[in-house]
C-alpha cells in the first residue's frame, strides 16, 4: 500500500475473498488480494470526502458514506457504484448492515438515524431523531485524560461494564468459537484459504450464486438468414452427380428431372414449416 500518494483512512477486510479494501481522503478505493499481493480493483468514487466504510456481512458488498450525505455500494469488478443513494442532508457519520443483508442503518451529522430496506431499492423504514433524553442505566468512570471514541458489544462474554447479562450463551463454533485453540485456528486459516472465493462472486443478490441462468427467448431469424438457410440444401441438391446407367436411363431430360426432384425434396421441410406457421 506504500505506492499510493494519499494515506488510507479506512480499511475493511473481506474474509471470504481475502481482499483488503481501503479508501483515502480523495475518495479512491483499492482492492488488494492479501494472498498474492495483486491489486484487484482501483476506482475513484468521484464524490465528496468518504467519512465511513463498512462491509455488508451477507454479500461482502462495501458501503461507503460520504460527507455530502450520499452512500454508495461497491464491488471489486465494477468501476461504477452498484447503488448510489442520498441518505442524509449532511455528512454520514457511521453505517451498519444486518447479517441477513436486507437492512441497513445510517447515522448523520444532523443527529438522525435512518433504517433502510435494501430489497426495495433503498426504501426508508424509519427516521429516528438522535436526541432522546434517556435515563442513565449505569455509569463507568474513565481515567482522567482518556476519551471514549468507540463502543462495541462482546457477544460471547458477560460484559460487566456495559450491560451485565448481555452475553450470548449459545454460540455456533463454525461461525465464531470463543474457546478456539491455536491448532484449531491454524486449521481454520488453511480451510478458509482453500475455500477462498473469487472477486466475481461479490454481488448485491448473493442468492444468485449457484443458480442457473434463465434461458433467453430465441430471436426471430432475419429474411436473409431464412433465405440462406433454405438455399444451402438447394445448392447441395443441384450439385449432386448421378451415376450413368444403362442406355436410355441416363438421358439429359431424365437427369434434369431427377435434379428437380432432389431440389423439391430439399425444399419440402422449409415449405412445411412455413405452412405450419401460417396455420
C-alpha atoms as a PDB file:
ATOM      1  CA  UNK A   1       0.000   0.000   0.000  1.00  0.00           C
ATOM      2  CA  UNK A   2       3.039   2.299   0.037  1.00  0.00           C
ATOM      3  CA  UNK A   3       2.801   3.243  -3.641  1.00  0.00           C
ATOM      4  CA  UNK A   4      -0.313   5.404  -3.153  1.00  0.00           C
ATOM      5  CA  UNK A   5       0.236   9.108  -2.625  1.00  0.00           C
ATOM      6  CA  UNK A   6      -2.512   9.706  -0.068  1.00  0.00           C
ATOM      7  CA  UNK A   7      -2.639   7.654   3.156  1.00  0.00           C
ATOM      8  CA  UNK A   8      -5.618   5.374   3.611  1.00  0.00           C
ATOM      9  CA  UNK A   9      -8.252   6.482   6.098  1.00  0.00           C
ATOM     10  CA  UNK A  10     -10.490   3.404   6.328  1.00  0.00           C
ATOM     11  CA  UNK A  11      -9.696  -0.282   5.992  1.00  0.00           C
ATOM     12  CA  UNK A  12     -12.074  -3.216   5.633  1.00  0.00           C
ATOM     13  CA  UNK A  13     -11.261  -6.907   5.233  1.00  0.00           C
ATOM     14  CA  UNK A  14     -13.393  -9.245   3.103  1.00  0.00           C
ATOM     15  CA  UNK A  15     -12.709 -12.521   4.886  1.00  0.00           C
ATOM     16  CA  UNK A  16     -14.394 -14.811   2.335  1.00  0.00           C
ATOM     17  CA  UNK A  17     -12.351 -13.404  -0.541  1.00  0.00           C
ATOM     18  CA  UNK A  18      -9.149 -12.412   1.323  1.00  0.00           C
ATOM     19  CA  UNK A  19      -9.393  -8.885  -0.042  1.00  0.00           C
ATOM     20  CA  UNK A  20      -8.232  -5.811   1.837  1.00  0.00           C
ATOM     21  CA  UNK A  21     -10.201  -2.716   0.872  1.00  0.00           C
ATOM     22  CA  UNK A  22      -9.017   0.795   1.629  1.00  0.00           C
ATOM     23  CA  UNK A  23     -10.151   4.316   0.810  1.00  0.00           C
ATOM     24  CA  UNK A  24      -8.246   7.597   1.122  1.00  0.00           C
ATOM     25  CA  UNK A  25      -9.496  11.146   1.623  1.00  0.00           C
ATOM     26  CA  UNK A  26      -9.564  11.731  -2.148  1.00  0.00           C
ATOM     27  CA  UNK A  27     -12.216   9.008  -2.499  1.00  0.00           C
ATOM     28  CA  UNK A  28     -10.002   6.428  -4.196  1.00  0.00           C
ATOM     29  CA  UNK A  29     -10.892   2.783  -3.500  1.00  0.00           C
ATOM     30  CA  UNK A  30      -8.324  -0.006  -3.559  1.00  0.00           C
ATOM     31  CA  UNK A  31      -8.967  -3.758  -3.511  1.00  0.00           C
ATOM     32  CA  UNK A  32      -5.865  -5.852  -2.820  1.00  0.00           C
ATOM     33  CA  UNK A  33      -5.586  -9.638  -2.588  1.00  0.00           C
ATOM     34  CA  UNK A  34      -3.540 -10.293   0.549  1.00  0.00           C
ATOM     35  CA  UNK A  35      -2.651 -13.857  -0.503  1.00  0.00           C
ATOM     36  CA  UNK A  36      -0.910 -12.821  -3.741  1.00  0.00           C
ATOM     37  CA  UNK A  37      -0.404  -9.070  -3.249  1.00  0.00           C
ATOM     38  CA  UNK A  38      -2.224  -8.404  -6.531  1.00  0.00           C
ATOM     39  CA  UNK A  39      -4.273  -5.218  -6.928  1.00  0.00           C
ATOM     40  CA  UNK A  40      -7.762  -6.426  -7.898  1.00  0.00           C
ATOM     41  CA  UNK A  41      -9.500  -3.054  -8.225  1.00  0.00           C
ATOM     42  CA  UNK A  42      -8.626   0.636  -8.143  1.00  0.00           C
ATOM     43  CA  UNK A  43     -11.510   3.089  -8.583  1.00  0.00           C
ATOM     44  CA  UNK A  44     -12.369   6.719  -7.898  1.00  0.00           C
ATOM     45  CA  UNK A  45     -15.727   7.463  -6.313  1.00  0.00           C
ATOM     46  CA  UNK A  46     -15.859  10.981  -7.780  1.00  0.00           C
ATOM     47  CA  UNK A  47     -17.822  12.102  -4.715  1.00  0.00           C
ATOM     48  CA  UNK A  48     -17.084  14.083  -1.583  1.00  0.00           C
ATOM     49  CA  UNK A  49     -14.800  13.055   1.262  1.00  0.00           C
ATOM     50  CA  UNK A  50     -15.525   9.475   2.489  1.00  0.00           C
ATOM     51  CA  UNK A  51     -16.234   9.544   6.234  1.00  0.00           C
ATOM     52  CA  UNK A  52     -17.087   5.902   6.934  1.00  0.00           C
ATOM     53  CA  UNK A  53     -16.902   2.498   5.266  1.00  0.00           C
ATOM     54  CA  UNK A  54     -18.398  -0.859   6.290  1.00  0.00           C
ATOM     55  CA  UNK A  55     -18.765  -4.334   4.743  1.00  0.00           C
ATOM     56  CA  UNK A  56     -22.156  -5.992   4.359  1.00  0.00           C
ATOM     57  CA  UNK A  57     -21.578  -9.410   6.036  1.00  0.00           C
ATOM     58  CA  UNK A  58     -24.163 -11.113   3.833  1.00  0.00           C
ATOM     59  CA  UNK A  59     -22.783 -10.388   0.337  1.00  0.00           C
ATOM     60  CA  UNK A  60     -19.418  -8.648   1.090  1.00  0.00           C
ATOM     61  CA  UNK A  61     -20.501  -5.524  -0.782  1.00  0.00           C
ATOM     62  CA  UNK A  62     -18.747  -2.490   0.708  1.00  0.00           C
ATOM     63  CA  UNK A  63     -20.815   0.571   1.644  1.00  0.00           C
ATOM     64  CA  UNK A  64     -19.105   3.974   1.746  1.00  0.00           C
ATOM     65  CA  UNK A  65     -20.638   7.016   3.431  1.00  0.00           C
ATOM     66  CA  UNK A  66     -19.604  10.423   2.095  1.00  0.00           C
ATOM     67  CA  UNK A  67     -19.578  13.881   3.627  1.00  0.00           C
ATOM     68  CA  UNK A  68     -22.303  15.023   1.218  1.00  0.00           C
ATOM     69  CA  UNK A  69     -24.819  12.573   2.720  1.00  0.00           C
ATOM     70  CA  UNK A  70     -24.532  10.126  -0.205  1.00  0.00           C
ATOM     71  CA  UNK A  71     -23.978   6.423   0.399  1.00  0.00           C
ATOM     72  CA  UNK A  72     -22.512   4.200  -2.322  1.00  0.00           C
ATOM     73  CA  UNK A  73     -22.004   0.426  -2.580  1.00  0.00           C
ATOM     74  CA  UNK A  74     -19.070  -1.159  -4.398  1.00  0.00           C
ATOM     75  CA  UNK A  75     -17.662  -4.455  -5.604  1.00  0.00           C
ATOM     76  CA  UNK A  76     -14.125  -5.064  -6.960  1.00  0.00           C
ATOM     77  CA  UNK A  77     -15.220  -5.924 -10.516  1.00  0.00           C
ATOM     78  CA  UNK A  78     -17.187  -2.723 -11.213  1.00  0.00           C
ATOM     79  CA  UNK A  79     -15.790   0.787 -11.696  1.00  0.00           C
ATOM     80  CA  UNK A  80     -19.259   2.276 -11.103  1.00  0.00           C
ATOM     81  CA  UNK A  81     -21.160   2.028  -7.797  1.00  0.00           C
ATOM     82  CA  UNK A  82     -23.798  -0.703  -7.565  1.00  0.00           C
ATOM     83  CA  UNK A  83     -26.037   1.591  -5.522  1.00  0.00           C
ATOM     84  CA  UNK A  84     -25.947   5.348  -5.043  1.00  0.00           C
ATOM     85  CA  UNK A  85     -28.476   6.889  -2.658  1.00  0.00           C
ATOM     86  CA  UNK A  86     -28.907  10.137  -0.762  1.00  0.00           C
ATOM     87  CA  UNK A  87     -29.334   9.152   2.891  1.00  0.00           C
ATOM     88  CA  UNK A  88     -28.808  12.375   4.866  1.00  0.00           C
ATOM     89  CA  UNK A  89     -28.722  16.120   4.343  1.00  0.00           C
ATOM     90  CA  UNK A  90     -25.281  16.293   5.931  1.00  0.00           C
ATOM     91  CA  UNK A  91     -22.228  14.042   6.349  1.00  0.00           C
ATOM     92  CA  UNK A  92     -22.783  10.363   7.175  1.00  0.00           C
ATOM     93  CA  UNK A  93     -21.034   9.598  10.446  1.00  0.00           C
ATOM     94  CA  UNK A  94     -21.467   5.815  10.518  1.00  0.00           C
ATOM     95  CA  UNK A  95     -23.450   2.964   8.969  1.00  0.00           C
ATOM     96  CA  UNK A  96     -24.098  -0.710   9.676  1.00  0.00           C
ATOM     97  CA  UNK A  97     -25.731  -3.665   7.866  1.00  0.00           C
ATOM     98  CA  UNK A  98     -27.746  -6.537   9.300  1.00  0.00           C
ATOM     99  CA  UNK A  99     -26.310 -10.038   8.995  1.00  0.00           C
ATOM    100  CA  UNK A 100     -29.136 -11.026   6.594  1.00  0.00           C
ATOM    101  CA  UNK A 101     -28.059  -8.252   4.201  1.00  0.00           C
ATOM    102  CA  UNK A 102     -31.560  -6.765   3.890  1.00  0.00           C
ATOM    103  CA  UNK A 103     -31.424  -3.923   6.403  1.00  0.00           C
ATOM    104  CA  UNK A 104     -29.000  -1.035   6.713  1.00  0.00           C
ATOM    105  CA  UNK A 105     -28.817   1.717   9.328  1.00  0.00           C
ATOM    106  CA  UNK A 106     -27.148   5.073   8.750  1.00  0.00           C
ATOM    107  CA  UNK A 107     -26.438   7.966  11.099  1.00  0.00           C
ATOM    108  CA  UNK A 108     -25.901  11.559  10.009  1.00  0.00           C
ATOM    109  CA  UNK A 109     -24.412  14.734  11.391  1.00  0.00           C
ATOM    110  CA  UNK A 110     -27.959  16.170  11.712  1.00  0.00           C
ATOM    111  CA  UNK A 111     -28.386  13.753  14.661  1.00  0.00           C
ATOM    112  CA  UNK A 112     -30.703  11.329  12.903  1.00  0.00           C
ATOM    113  CA  UNK A 113     -30.646   7.552  12.448  1.00  0.00           C
ATOM    114  CA  UNK A 114     -32.340   6.057   9.395  1.00  0.00           C
ATOM    115  CA  UNK A 115     -33.226   2.421   8.715  1.00  0.00           C
ATOM    116  CA  UNK A 116     -33.251   1.272   5.073  1.00  0.00           C
ATOM    117  CA  UNK A 117     -34.681  -1.803   3.310  1.00  0.00           C
ATOM    118  CA  UNK A 118     -32.141  -2.762   0.622  1.00  0.00           C
ATOM    119  CA  UNK A 119     -34.523  -5.272  -1.002  1.00  0.00           C
ATOM    120  CA  UNK A 120     -36.879  -2.486  -2.081  1.00  0.00           C
ATOM    121  CA  UNK A 121     -34.382  -0.154  -3.768  1.00  0.00           C
ATOM    122  CA  UNK A 122     -33.449   1.574  -0.525  1.00  0.00           C
ATOM    123  CA  UNK A 123     -36.911   2.398   0.846  1.00  0.00           C
ATOM    124  CA  UNK A 124     -36.635   4.107   4.216  1.00  0.00           C
ATOM    125  CA  UNK A 125     -38.291   2.179   7.061  1.00  0.00           C
ATOM    126  CA  UNK A 126     -37.642   4.586   9.889  1.00  0.00           C
ATOM    127  CA  UNK A 127     -36.323   8.058  10.651  1.00  0.00           C
ATOM    128  CA  UNK A 128     -35.355   8.363  14.285  1.00  0.00           C
ATOM    129  CA  UNK A 129     -34.118  11.546  15.963  1.00  0.00           C
ATOM    130  CA  UNK A 130     -30.920  11.067  17.944  1.00  0.00           C
ATOM    131  CA  UNK A 131     -31.653  13.456  20.803  1.00  0.00           C
ATOM    132  CA  UNK A 132     -33.923  11.385  23.073  1.00  0.00           C
ATOM    133  CA  UNK A 133     -33.464  12.095  26.759  1.00  0.00           C
ATOM    134  CA  UNK A 134     -32.706   8.615  28.042  1.00  0.00           C
ATOM    135  CA  UNK A 135     -32.368   7.930  31.735  1.00  0.00           C
ATOM    136  CA  UNK A 136     -28.962   6.600  32.725  1.00  0.00           C
ATOM    137  CA  UNK A 137     -28.812   2.862  33.401  1.00  0.00           C
ATOM    138  CA  UNK A 138     -25.281   2.761  34.832  1.00  0.00           C
ATOM    139  CA  UNK A 139     -22.080   4.751  34.815  1.00  0.00           C
ATOM    140  CA  UNK A 140     -18.447   3.789  34.456  1.00  0.00           C
ATOM    141  CA  UNK A 141     -15.586   6.065  35.364  1.00  0.00           C
ATOM    142  CA  UNK A 142     -12.789   6.628  32.841  1.00  0.00           C
ATOM    143  CA  UNK A 143      -9.264   7.558  33.819  1.00  0.00           C
ATOM    144  CA  UNK A 144      -8.562  11.265  33.577  1.00  0.00           C
ATOM    145  CA  UNK A 145      -7.236  12.357  30.192  1.00  0.00           C
ATOM    146  CA  UNK A 146      -8.853   9.459  28.257  1.00  0.00           C
ATOM    147  CA  UNK A 147     -11.745   9.770  25.835  1.00  0.00           C
ATOM    148  CA  UNK A 148     -14.293   7.168  24.693  1.00  0.00           C
ATOM    149  CA  UNK A 149     -14.299   7.100  20.881  1.00  0.00           C
ATOM    150  CA  UNK A 150     -15.830   3.718  20.093  1.00  0.00           C
ATOM    151  CA  UNK A 151     -18.132   1.259  21.854  1.00  0.00           C
ATOM    152  CA  UNK A 152     -18.616  -2.399  20.840  1.00  0.00           C
ATOM    153  CA  UNK A 153     -20.579  -5.318  22.258  1.00  0.00           C
ATOM    154  CA  UNK A 154     -18.781  -8.513  23.267  1.00  0.00           C
ATOM    155  CA  UNK A 155     -21.447 -11.072  22.271  1.00  0.00           C
ATOM    156  CA  UNK A 156     -19.812 -14.159  23.762  1.00  0.00           C
ATOM    157  CA  UNK A 157     -18.860 -12.692  27.132  1.00  0.00           C
ATOM    158  CA  UNK A 158     -20.853 -11.342  30.030  1.00  0.00           C
ATOM    159  CA  UNK A 159     -19.732  -7.729  29.955  1.00  0.00           C
ATOM    160  CA  UNK A 160     -19.556  -6.330  33.475  1.00  0.00           C
ATOM    161  CA  UNK A 161     -19.000  -2.764  32.235  1.00  0.00           C
ATOM    162  CA  UNK A 162     -21.789  -2.057  29.697  1.00  0.00           C
ATOM    163  CA  UNK A 163     -24.764  -4.393  30.100  1.00  0.00           C
ATOM    164  CA  UNK A 164     -24.498  -7.305  32.536  1.00  0.00           C
ATOM    165  CA  UNK A 165     -26.083 -10.482  31.181  1.00  0.00           C
ATOM    166  CA  UNK A 166     -25.883  -9.362  27.527  1.00  0.00           C
ATOM    167  CA  UNK A 167     -23.572 -12.221  26.511  1.00  0.00           C
ATOM    168  CA  UNK A 168     -24.765 -14.935  24.122  1.00  0.00           C
ATOM    169  CA  UNK A 169     -24.810 -18.303  25.952  1.00  0.00           C
ATOM    170  CA  UNK A 170     -25.480 -20.396  22.823  1.00  0.00           C
ATOM    171  CA  UNK A 171     -22.907 -19.943  20.080  1.00  0.00           C
ATOM    172  CA  UNK A 172     -22.028 -21.753  16.848  1.00  0.00           C
ATOM    173  CA  UNK A 173     -18.378 -22.852  16.761  1.00  0.00           C
ATOM    174  CA  UNK A 174     -18.461 -22.861  12.937  1.00  0.00           C
ATOM    175  CA  UNK A 175     -19.265 -19.135  12.977  1.00  0.00           C
ATOM    176  CA  UNK A 176     -17.152 -17.991  15.947  1.00  0.00           C
ATOM    177  CA  UNK A 177     -15.547 -20.070  18.632  1.00  0.00           C
ATOM    178  CA  UNK A 178     -14.514 -18.067  21.724  1.00  0.00           C
ATOM    179  CA  UNK A 179     -12.618 -21.106  23.095  1.00  0.00           C
ATOM    180  CA  UNK A 180     -10.651 -21.695  19.900  1.00  0.00           C
ATOM    181  CA  UNK A 181      -7.197 -23.202  20.401  1.00  0.00           C
ATOM    182  CA  UNK A 182      -4.083 -22.363  18.416  1.00  0.00           C
ATOM    183  CA  UNK A 183      -4.280 -25.660  16.495  1.00  0.00           C
ATOM    184  CA  UNK A 184      -7.922 -25.046  15.587  1.00  0.00           C
ATOM    185  CA  UNK A 185      -7.085 -21.509  14.467  1.00  0.00           C
ATOM    186  CA  UNK A 186      -4.324 -22.763  12.150  1.00  0.00           C
ATOM    187  CA  UNK A 187      -6.639 -25.366  10.614  1.00  0.00           C
ATOM    188  CA  UNK A 188      -9.322 -22.736  10.183  1.00  0.00           C
ATOM    189  CA  UNK A 189      -6.929 -20.447   8.281  1.00  0.00           C
ATOM    190  CA  UNK A 190      -5.881 -23.265   5.931  1.00  0.00           C
ATOM    191  CA  UNK A 191      -9.507 -24.269   5.373  1.00  0.00           C
ATOM    192  CA  UNK A 192     -10.587 -20.706   4.630  1.00  0.00           C
ATOM    193  CA  UNK A 193      -7.725 -20.320   2.118  1.00  0.00           C
ATOM    194  CA  UNK A 194      -8.845 -23.482   0.316  1.00  0.00           C
ATOM    195  CA  UNK A 195     -12.420 -22.138   0.217  1.00  0.00           C
ATOM    196  CA  UNK A 196     -11.371 -18.666  -0.926  1.00  0.00           C
ATOM    197  CA  UNK A 197     -13.979 -17.131  -3.255  1.00  0.00           C
ATOM    198  CA  UNK A 198     -13.093 -15.178  -6.422  1.00  0.00           C
ATOM    199  CA  UNK A 199     -13.955 -11.441  -6.544  1.00  0.00           C
ATOM    200  CA  UNK A 200     -16.576 -12.113  -9.246  1.00  0.00           C
ATOM    201  CA  UNK A 201     -18.848 -13.742  -6.637  1.00  0.00           C
ATOM    202  CA  UNK A 202     -19.414 -10.402  -4.870  1.00  0.00           C
ATOM    203  CA  UNK A 203     -22.867  -9.117  -5.881  1.00  0.00           C
ATOM    204  CA  UNK A 204     -25.891  -7.448  -4.344  1.00  0.00           C
ATOM    205  CA  UNK A 205     -28.093 -10.558  -4.550  1.00  0.00           C
ATOM    206  CA  UNK A 206     -25.851 -13.325  -3.221  1.00  0.00           C
ATOM    207  CA  UNK A 207     -28.648 -15.905  -3.663  1.00  0.00           C
ATOM    208  CA  UNK A 208     -27.971 -15.901  -7.424  1.00  0.00           C
ATOM    209  CA  UNK A 209     -24.675 -17.727  -6.854  1.00  0.00           C
ATOM    210  CA  UNK A 210     -25.103 -21.357  -7.896  1.00  0.00           C
ATOM    211  CA  UNK A 211     -28.374 -20.726  -9.713  1.00  0.00           C
ATOM    212  CA  UNK A 212     -28.978 -21.431 -13.385  1.00  0.00           C
ATOM    213  CA  UNK A 213     -29.179 -18.509 -15.755  1.00  0.00           C
ATOM    214  CA  UNK A 214     -32.682 -18.321 -17.298  1.00  0.00           C
ATOM    215  CA  UNK A 215     -32.919 -19.220 -20.977  1.00  0.00           C
ATOM    216  CA  UNK A 216     -33.391 -16.307 -23.305  1.00  0.00           C
ATOM    217  CA  UNK A 217     -36.106 -16.218 -25.902  1.00  0.00           C
ATOM    218  CA  UNK A 218     -34.834 -17.117 -29.330  1.00  0.00           C
ATOM    219  CA  UNK A 219     -34.677 -14.146 -31.640  1.00  0.00           C
ATOM    220  CA  UNK A 220     -36.519 -14.431 -34.900  1.00  0.00           C
ATOM    221  CA  UNK A 221     -34.150 -15.004 -37.842  1.00  0.00           C
ATOM    222  CA  UNK A 222     -33.957 -12.244 -40.443  1.00  0.00           C
ATOM    223  CA  UNK A 223     -35.157 -12.645 -44.022  1.00  0.00           C
ATOM    224  CA  UNK A 224     -31.577 -13.028 -45.301  1.00  0.00           C
ATOM    225  CA  UNK A 225     -30.863 -15.750 -42.721  1.00  0.00           C
ATOM    226  CA  UNK A 226     -34.008 -17.666 -43.715  1.00  0.00           C
ATOM    227  CA  UNK A 227     -33.122 -17.441 -47.402  1.00  0.00           C
ATOM    228  CA  UNK A 228     -29.530 -18.552 -46.715  1.00  0.00           C
ATOM    229  CA  UNK A 229     -30.799 -21.494 -44.653  1.00  0.00           C
ATOM    230  CA  UNK A 230     -33.135 -22.528 -47.486  1.00  0.00           C
ATOM    231  CA  UNK A 231     -30.565 -22.110 -50.255  1.00  0.00           C
ATOM    232  CA  UNK A 232     -27.888 -24.206 -48.558  1.00  0.00           C
ATOM    233  CA  UNK A 233     -29.589 -27.613 -49.109  1.00  0.00           C
ATOM    234  CA  UNK A 234     -30.884 -26.456 -52.518  1.00  0.00           C
ATOM    235  CA  UNK A 235     -27.343 -25.751 -53.717  1.00  0.00           C
ATOM    236  CA  UNK A 236     -26.297 -29.122 -52.404  1.00  0.00           C
ATOM    237  CA  UNK A 237     -29.074 -30.823 -54.344  1.00  0.00           C
ATOM    238  CA  UNK A 238     -28.091 -29.015 -57.547  1.00  0.00           C
ATOM    239  CA  UNK A 239     -24.513 -30.285 -57.303  1.00  0.00           C
ATOM    240  CA  UNK A 240     -25.488 -33.927 -56.938  1.00  0.00           C
ATOM    241  CA  UNK A 241     -23.893 -36.079 -59.615  1.00  0.00           C
ATOM    242  CA  UNK A 242     -25.837 -39.133 -60.762  1.00  0.00           C
ATOM    243  CA  UNK A 243     -24.221 -42.333 -61.945  1.00  0.00           C
ATOM    244  CA  UNK A 244     -24.532 -43.178 -65.622  1.00  0.00           C
ATOM    245  CA  UNK A 245     -26.785 -46.163 -66.065  1.00  0.00           C
ATOM    246  CA  UNK A 246     -27.834 -48.368 -68.993  1.00  0.00           C
ATOM    247  CA  UNK A 247     -28.802 -46.943 -72.359  1.00  0.00           C
ATOM    248  CA  UNK A 248     -31.929 -44.865 -72.274  1.00  0.00           C
ATOM    249  CA  UNK A 249     -31.896 -44.277 -68.492  1.00  0.00           C
ATOM    250  CA  UNK A 250     -29.233 -41.521 -68.482  1.00  0.00           C
ATOM    251  CA  UNK A 251     -30.831 -39.144 -70.960  1.00  0.00           C
ATOM    252  CA  UNK A 252     -30.369 -35.409 -70.240  1.00  0.00           C
ATOM    253  CA  UNK A 253     -34.103 -34.971 -69.761  1.00  0.00           C
ATOM    254  CA  UNK A 254     -34.259 -37.726 -67.171  1.00  0.00           C
ATOM    255  CA  UNK A 255     -31.153 -36.392 -65.378  1.00  0.00           C
ATOM    256  CA  UNK A 256     -32.725 -32.886 -65.199  1.00  0.00           C
ATOM    257  CA  UNK A 257     -35.950 -34.401 -63.866  1.00  0.00           C
ATOM    258  CA  UNK A 258     -34.035 -36.211 -61.125  1.00  0.00           C
ATOM    259  CA  UNK A 259     -32.289 -32.961 -60.137  1.00  0.00           C
ATOM    260  CA  UNK A 260     -35.634 -31.157 -59.928  1.00  0.00           C
ATOM    261  CA  UNK A 261     -36.979 -33.921 -57.714  1.00  0.00           C
ATOM    262  CA  UNK A 262     -33.916 -33.674 -55.441  1.00  0.00           C
ATOM    263  CA  UNK A 263     -34.303 -29.870 -55.168  1.00  0.00           C
ATOM    264  CA  UNK A 264     -38.034 -30.209 -54.381  1.00  0.00           C
ATOM    265  CA  UNK A 265     -37.212 -32.807 -51.727  1.00  0.00           C
ATOM    266  CA  UNK A 266     -34.651 -30.461 -50.130  1.00  0.00           C
ATOM    267  CA  UNK A 267     -37.154 -27.566 -50.077  1.00  0.00           C
ATOM    268  CA  UNK A 268     -40.003 -29.659 -48.660  1.00  0.00           C
ATOM    269  CA  UNK A 269     -39.088 -29.270 -44.901  1.00  0.00           C
ATOM    270  CA  UNK A 270     -38.940 -25.473 -45.209  1.00  0.00           C
ATOM    271  CA  UNK A 271     -42.245 -25.336 -47.080  1.00  0.00           C
ATOM    272  CA  UNK A 272     -43.922 -27.491 -44.431  1.00  0.00           C
ATOM    273  CA  UNK A 273     -42.557 -25.209 -41.706  1.00  0.00           C
ATOM    274  CA  UNK A 274     -43.978 -22.120 -43.434  1.00  0.00           C
ATOM    275  CA  UNK A 275     -47.385 -23.822 -43.743  1.00  0.00           C
ATOM    276  CA  UNK A 276     -47.451 -24.629 -40.029  1.00  0.00           C
ATOM    277  CA  UNK A 277     -46.584 -21.011 -39.109  1.00  0.00           C
ATOM    278  CA  UNK A 278     -49.370 -19.655 -41.334  1.00  0.00           C
ATOM    279  CA  UNK A 279     -51.874 -22.019 -39.767  1.00  0.00           C
END
